Structure formats: structure tokens, C-alpha cells
Amino acid sequence: MLPAEYVLLDLGAGTAFNELDYFLASDHGFILITP
């Protein structure tokens, strides 16, 4: 548990499964995709 209200993850191209686990463990997720 982190002592923070919000946590931002800047995941670039080639994101590994270990990094995606942090996103999937969250209560809410937001994805921003730019072409």
C-alpha cells in the first residue's frame, strides 16, 4: 500500500508484464493513447 491518493505510471512502448501488474492491481485505471 502506498501512502498516496494518486499514482501515475508512465509506461512506454514495450511494457513488460511485471509493469502491467501494477496497473491491473489498481482499483481504477486510465489509459491515454496517442498516435
Protein backbone atom coordinates (compact mmCIF):
# COMPACT_ATOMS: atom_id res chain seq x y z
CA MET A 1 0.00 0.00 0.00
CA LEU A 2 1.38 3.38 -0.98
CA PRO A 3 0.70 6.45 1.18
CA ALA A 4 -0.63 8.37 -1.83
CA GLU A 5 -4.02 9.24 -3.23
CA TYR A 6 -2.89 9.02 -6.87
CA VAL A 7 -0.04 7.17 -8.56
CA LEU A 8 0.94 7.91 -12.16
CA LEU A 9 2.82 5.31 -14.19
CA ASP A 10 4.42 6.42 -17.44
CA LEU A 11 4.61 3.13 -19.31
CA GLY A 12 6.29 3.39 -22.67
CA ALA A 13 6.31 1.09 -25.66
CA GLY A 14 7.48 -2.42 -24.89
CA THR A 15 5.94 -2.53 -21.41
CA ALA A 16 6.64 -5.86 -19.70
CA PHE A 17 4.08 -8.00 -17.89
CA ASN A 18 5.57 -7.10 -14.49
CA GLU A 19 4.80 -3.42 -15.08
CA LEU A 20 1.28 -4.20 -16.26
CA ASP A 21 0.61 -5.99 -12.96
CA TYR A 22 0.80 -2.62 -11.16
CA PHE A 23 -1.90 -1.28 -13.46
CA LEU A 24 -4.09 -4.36 -13.07
CA ALA A 25 -3.77 -4.26 -9.26
CA SER A 26 -5.30 -0.78 -9.07
CA ASP A 27 -8.93 -0.09 -8.25
CA HIS A 28 -9.30 2.30 -11.20
CA GLY A 29 -7.26 2.63 -14.36
CA PHE A 30 -6.94 5.29 -17.02
CA ILE A 31 -5.26 4.71 -20.37
CA LEU A 32 -4.15 7.54 -22.65
CA ILE A 33 -3.04 6.57 -26.15
CA THR A 34 -1.53 8.99 -28.65
CA PRO A 35 -0.89 8.08 -32.28
